[in-house]
Protein backbone atom coordinates (compact mmCIF):
# COMPACT_ATOMS: atom_id res chain seq x y z
CA UNK A 1 42.77 33.62 -36.46
CA UNK A 2 46.46 32.83 -35.85
CA UNK A 3 46.91 36.13 -34.02
CA UNK A 4 43.84 35.44 -31.88
CA UNK A 5 45.19 32.02 -30.90
CA UNK A 6 48.54 33.54 -29.92
CA UNK A 7 46.83 36.15 -27.77
CA UNK A 8 44.75 33.51 -26.05
CA UNK A 9 47.78 31.33 -25.39
CA UNK A 10 49.43 34.38 -23.85
CA UNK A 11 46.64 34.44 -21.27
CA UNK A 12 47.59 30.96 -20.10
CA UNK A 13 51.32 31.69 -20.33
CA UNK A 14 50.77 34.62 -17.98
CA UNK A 15 49.00 32.37 -15.49
CA UNK A 16 51.75 29.75 -15.75
CA UNK A 17 54.26 32.38 -14.67
CA UNK A 18 52.08 33.40 -11.70
CA UNK A 19 51.69 29.74 -10.74
CA UNK A 20 55.46 29.42 -10.25
CA UNK A 21 55.13 31.80 -7.30
CA UNK A 22 51.60 30.99 -6.15
CA UNK A 23 50.58 27.35 -6.76
CA UNK A 24 46.91 28.11 -6.12
CA UNK A 25 45.61 31.52 -7.17
CA UNK A 26 42.34 32.97 -8.37
CA UNK A 27 41.41 35.50 -10.99
CA UNK A 28 38.84 38.11 -9.93
CA UNK A 29 36.74 40.47 -12.04
CA UNK A 30 33.50 42.40 -11.78
CA UNK A 31 30.62 43.25 -14.09
CA UNK A 32 28.07 46.01 -13.90
CA UNK A 33 29.77 49.09 -12.50
CA UNK A 34 28.46 51.35 -15.26
CA UNK A 35 24.76 50.50 -15.65
CA UNK A 36 21.93 52.63 -14.31
CA UNK A 37 20.14 49.64 -12.78
CA UNK A 38 20.76 46.36 -11.02
CA UNK A 39 23.28 44.82 -8.67
CA UNK A 40 27.00 44.78 -9.39
CA UNK A 41 28.47 41.30 -9.84
CA UNK A 42 31.90 39.74 -9.34
CA UNK A 43 33.43 36.33 -9.87
CA UNK A 44 36.53 34.51 -8.66
CA UNK A 45 37.95 31.52 -10.52
CA UNK A 46 40.71 29.03 -9.73
CA UNK A 47 41.74 27.24 -12.93
CA UNK A 48 43.71 23.99 -12.92
CA UNK A 49 47.29 24.04 -14.23
CA UNK A 50 48.10 22.99 -17.80
CA UNK A 51 44.65 23.76 -19.16
CA UNK A 52 43.72 25.77 -22.23
CA UNK A 53 40.12 26.82 -22.82
CA UNK A 54 39.65 27.54 -26.54
CA UNK A 55 38.18 30.95 -27.23
CA UNK A 56 38.68 32.32 -23.73
CA UNK A 57 39.27 36.06 -23.82
CA UNK A 58 38.10 39.33 -22.32
CA UNK A 59 34.34 38.81 -21.99
CA UNK A 60 33.63 42.13 -23.72
CA UNK A 61 35.25 40.76 -26.88
CA UNK A 62 33.19 37.55 -26.97
CA UNK A 63 29.74 37.29 -28.59
CA UNK A 64 26.91 36.55 -26.16
CA UNK A 65 26.22 32.99 -27.35
CA UNK A 66 29.91 32.13 -27.11
CA UNK A 67 30.07 33.62 -23.60
CA UNK A 68 27.26 31.30 -22.54
CA UNK A 69 29.17 28.26 -23.81
CA UNK A 70 32.37 29.43 -22.13
CA UNK A 71 30.47 29.96 -18.88
CA UNK A 72 29.46 26.31 -18.81
CA UNK A 73 32.97 25.14 -19.75
CA UNK A 74 34.65 27.29 -17.09
CA UNK A 75 32.26 26.00 -14.43
CA UNK A 76 32.97 22.44 -15.56
CA UNK A 77 36.78 22.59 -15.51
CA UNK A 78 37.50 25.07 -12.70
CA UNK A 79 39.06 23.82 -9.48
CA UNK A 80 36.73 26.28 -7.78
CA UNK A 81 34.61 29.26 -8.77
CA UNK A 82 32.35 31.68 -6.97
CA UNK A 83 29.94 34.38 -8.14
CA UNK A 84 28.72 37.12 -5.80
CA UNK A 85 27.09 40.53 -5.93
CA UNK A 86 26.55 43.74 -4.05
CA UNK A 87 22.99 45.00 -4.02
CA UNK A 88 21.48 48.22 -5.29
CA UNK A 89 21.01 49.28 -1.67
CA UNK A 90 24.70 48.70 -0.96
CA UNK A 91 25.66 50.62 -4.10
CA UNK A 92 23.57 53.56 -2.91
CA UNK A 93 24.86 53.34 0.65
CA UNK A 94 28.60 53.21 -0.08
CA UNK A 95 29.14 54.11 -3.81
CA UNK A 96 29.63 51.89 -6.84
CA UNK A 97 33.40 51.41 -6.50
CA UNK A 98 33.17 50.28 -2.88
CA UNK A 99 30.24 48.02 -3.76
CA UNK A 100 32.22 46.42 -6.60
CA UNK A 101 35.10 45.80 -4.19
CA UNK A 102 32.64 44.25 -1.73
CA UNK A 103 31.31 41.92 -4.44
CA UNK A 104 34.88 40.88 -5.29
CA UNK A 105 35.61 40.15 -1.65
CA UNK A 106 32.46 38.04 -1.39
CA UNK A 107 33.37 36.12 -4.54
CA UNK A 108 36.82 35.21 -3.21
CA UNK A 109 35.36 34.31 0.19
CA UNK A 110 32.95 31.96 -1.54
CA UNK A 111 35.65 29.78 -3.11
CA UNK A 112 35.82 26.21 -1.88
CA UNK A 113 39.62 26.45 -1.56
CA UNK A 114 41.85 29.16 -0.12
CA UNK A 115 44.08 30.70 -2.81
CA UNK A 116 47.66 31.78 -2.15
CA UNK A 117 47.02 34.95 -4.15
CA UNK A 118 44.24 36.83 -5.92
CA UNK A 119 44.78 38.46 -9.31
CA UNK A 120 42.49 41.49 -9.38
CA UNK A 121 41.43 43.14 -12.61
CA UNK A 122 42.06 46.88 -12.56
CA UNK A 123 44.01 49.27 -10.38
CA UNK A 124 41.93 49.16 -7.17
CA UNK A 125 42.22 46.42 -4.57
CA UNK A 126 39.43 45.15 -2.32
CA UNK A 127 40.15 44.34 1.30
CA UNK A 128 41.26 40.73 1.55
CA UNK A 129 43.31 38.67 3.98
CA UNK A 130 45.59 37.25 1.31
CA UNK A 131 48.23 38.52 -1.13
CA UNK A 132 46.83 40.38 -4.13
CA UNK A 133 48.22 41.43 -7.48
CA UNK A 134 46.51 44.17 -9.46
CA UNK A 135 46.48 43.61 -13.22
CA UNK A 136 45.37 46.54 -15.37
CA UNK A 137 43.35 45.17 -18.30
CA UNK A 138 43.61 41.85 -16.54
CA UNK A 139 40.77 40.26 -18.51
CA UNK A 140 42.97 40.60 -21.62
CA UNK A 141 46.12 39.48 -19.76
CA UNK A 142 45.32 36.54 -17.48
CA UNK A 143 43.29 33.43 -18.30
CA UNK A 144 42.00 33.27 -14.73
CA UNK A 145 40.82 36.88 -14.77
CA UNK A 146 39.31 36.37 -18.25
CA UNK A 147 37.42 33.35 -16.89
CA UNK A 148 36.17 35.42 -13.96
CA UNK A 149 35.08 38.17 -16.35
CA UNK A 150 33.02 35.66 -18.35
CA UNK A 151 31.31 34.25 -15.25
CA UNK A 152 30.54 37.70 -13.84
CA UNK A 153 29.27 39.04 -17.16
CA UNK A 154 27.05 36.04 -17.95
CA UNK A 155 25.68 35.86 -14.41
CA UNK A 156 24.79 39.53 -14.44
CA UNK A 157 23.24 39.35 -17.93
CA UNK A 158 21.03 36.47 -16.73
CA UNK A 159 20.04 38.53 -13.70
CA UNK A 160 19.12 41.47 -15.94
CA UNK A 161 17.00 39.14 -18.08
CA UNK A 162 15.11 38.22 -14.91
CA UNK A 163 14.58 41.90 -14.13
CA UNK A 164 13.29 42.33 -17.67
CA UNK A 165 10.52 39.86 -16.85
CA UNK A 166 9.52 41.98 -13.85
CA UNK A 167 9.90 45.37 -15.57
CA UNK A 168 9.49 44.73 -19.32
CA UNK A 169 8.91 48.39 -20.14
CA UNK A 170 12.60 49.26 -19.58
CA UNK A 171 14.17 46.77 -22.00
CA UNK A 172 16.73 45.41 -19.53
CA UNK A 173 17.35 42.24 -21.56
CA UNK A 174 18.56 44.37 -24.48
CA UNK A 175 20.77 47.02 -22.86
CA UNK A 176 21.50 45.20 -19.55
CA UNK A 177 20.81 48.41 -17.62
CA UNK A 178 23.32 50.62 -19.43
CA UNK A 179 22.44 54.20 -20.28
CA UNK A 180 21.25 53.83 -23.85
CA UNK A 181 18.88 56.34 -25.42
CA UNK A 182 16.06 53.79 -25.29
CA UNK A 183 16.71 53.22 -21.60
CA UNK A 184 16.68 56.92 -20.74
CA UNK A 185 13.51 57.38 -22.81
CA UNK A 186 11.85 54.55 -20.87
CA UNK A 187 12.85 56.09 -17.54
CA UNK A 188 11.39 59.43 -18.61
CA UNK A 189 8.15 57.71 -19.59
CA UNK A 190 7.74 55.24 -16.73
CA UNK A 191 9.83 56.78 -13.97
CA UNK A 192 12.58 55.27 -11.84
CA UNK A 193 11.91 51.66 -10.87
CA UNK A 194 12.89 49.95 -7.59
CA UNK A 195 15.81 48.28 -9.41
CA UNK A 196 17.36 51.50 -10.69
CA UNK A 197 20.29 53.19 -8.96
CA UNK A 198 19.00 56.64 -7.89
CA UNK A 199 22.50 58.06 -7.49
CA UNK A 200 23.14 57.33 -11.18
CA UNK A 201 19.99 59.23 -12.21
CA UNK A 202 20.26 62.49 -10.30
CA UNK A 203 20.03 64.53 -13.48
CA UNK A 204 16.63 62.97 -14.23
CA UNK A 205 15.18 63.48 -10.76
């Protein structure tokens, strides 16, 4: 537990260092590049200075129930936050990477304040009219990016649960659209639905 607390404090220490150069900045992350179905999501978060959110970490390392609680806490304490997506049609039209960048751009554009800088998770930068800093494994490095990863992940999981209500035969609420054996078996049995990404399923067509 002590090691976990140190790692989490390091997230906020990283942001404190960024804040010395950019008083108002946002963390940006996406969710849903890999799945076979559904939109790709992104979130941007501006956290207030001198705040620590217990348990905040890379969303992939946090149990689902804890992510839901963190989602509500991040939304409550954030100076500003925005969640956006790029549609299945946009993914098919441009490709998944470009669509993820588009979702990130939309998320930042949706903030209620204009940040001095955007911290972007990963090694690819979307097109934005403000300074950006790429942070590889940013959701395990920056509190603001970790917060964005939680919002994007939870928002997309909720969206996939809605799709599960429309297409229960595919099991979207369980695998969230990822290419599990059960998901591929369902596609073979029921075919490709309107919410699948055809370009991800060329081998099955």
